Amino acid sequence: MGISPIQIGIILLIVVLIFGTKKLKNIGGDLGEAVRGFKKGIKDEDTPDTLEEKPDVTVEKVTKKTKTKNSEKS
């Protein structure tokens, strides 16, 4: 009582006739881009966790002033 391969073929033929091959190609491409974007988003979410574990480092600029003696001869 399952779907036979002939029934699947008839359904695919009807879908191709309704939408056309160009439209189906565009839908497949859009679906592929969405899956790649989703995978990239999941991958990018994992990397900030490792960056948050590193301690924050602050750099302070320290200047040293020295006094010099000017000996003037008169």
Protein backbone atom coordinates (compact mmCIF):
# COMPACT_ATOMS: atom_id res chain seq x y z
CA MET A 1 0.00 0.00 0.00
CA GLY A 2 3.01 2.29 -0.33
CA ILE A 3 3.88 4.60 -3.18
CA SER A 4 5.26 2.73 -6.16
CA PRO A 5 8.07 4.07 -8.38
CA ILE A 6 5.56 4.59 -11.21
CA GLN A 7 3.43 6.86 -9.01
CA ILE A 8 6.51 8.87 -7.99
CA GLY A 9 7.44 9.27 -11.66
CA ILE A 10 3.94 10.50 -12.54
CA ILE A 11 4.04 13.03 -9.67
CA LEU A 12 7.47 14.30 -10.80
CA LEU A 13 6.22 14.62 -14.39
CA ILE A 14 3.22 16.66 -13.27
CA VAL A 15 5.46 18.93 -11.14
CA VAL A 16 7.81 19.51 -14.10
CA LEU A 17 4.86 20.32 -16.37
CA ILE A 18 3.41 22.79 -13.87
CA PHE A 19 6.58 24.62 -12.82
CA GLY A 20 8.95 24.01 -15.72
CA THR A 21 12.58 22.97 -15.50
CA LYS A 22 13.95 26.51 -15.17
CA LYS A 23 11.76 27.30 -12.18
CA LEU A 24 12.68 23.99 -10.51
CA LYS A 25 16.38 24.73 -11.09
CA ASN A 26 15.98 28.14 -9.42
CA ILE A 27 14.13 26.60 -6.48
CA GLY A 28 16.86 23.97 -6.06
CA GLY A 29 19.59 26.63 -6.19
CA ASP A 30 17.81 28.79 -3.62
CA LEU A 31 17.32 25.80 -1.36
CA GLY A 32 21.02 24.92 -1.63
CA GLU A 33 22.06 28.49 -0.77
CA ALA A 34 19.74 28.46 2.24
CA VAL A 35 21.26 25.22 3.53
CA ARG A 36 24.81 26.56 3.05
CA GLY A 37 23.89 29.79 4.83
CA PHE A 38 22.39 27.84 7.70
CA LYS A 39 25.49 25.67 8.05
CA LYS A 40 27.73 28.75 7.95
CA GLY A 41 25.61 30.42 10.63
CA ILE A 42 25.89 27.39 12.88
CA LYS A 43 29.65 27.26 12.31
CA ASP A 44 30.04 30.99 13.05
CA GLU A 45 28.07 30.61 16.29
CA ASP A 46 30.58 28.08 17.57
CA THR A 47 33.66 30.26 17.06
CA PRO A 48 32.71 33.23 19.32
CA ASP A 49 32.42 30.85 22.29
CA THR A 50 36.11 30.05 22.05
CA LEU A 51 36.98 33.72 21.72
CA GLU A 52 35.02 34.64 24.85
CA GLU A 53 37.14 32.31 26.96
CA LYS A 54 40.26 34.40 26.38
CA PRO A 55 40.86 37.10 29.00
CA ASP A 56 40.59 40.73 28.00
CA VAL A 57 43.89 42.52 27.73
CA THR A 58 44.18 46.27 28.12
CA VAL A 59 47.19 48.26 27.15
CA GLU A 60 48.09 51.45 28.97
CA LYS A 61 50.50 53.95 27.54
CA VAL A 62 53.00 55.07 30.13
CA THR A 63 55.26 58.02 29.53
CA LYS A 64 58.26 58.86 31.63
CA LYS A 65 59.27 62.47 32.08
CA THR A 66 62.83 63.21 33.04
CA LYS A 67 64.20 66.48 34.25
CA THR A 68 67.48 67.66 32.86
CA LYS A 69 69.78 70.20 34.41
CA ASN A 70 70.88 72.93 32.10
CA SER A 71 74.08 74.45 33.32
CA GLU A 72 74.46 77.93 32.00
CA LYS A 73 77.77 79.69 32.33
CA SER A 74 77.72 83.43 32.65
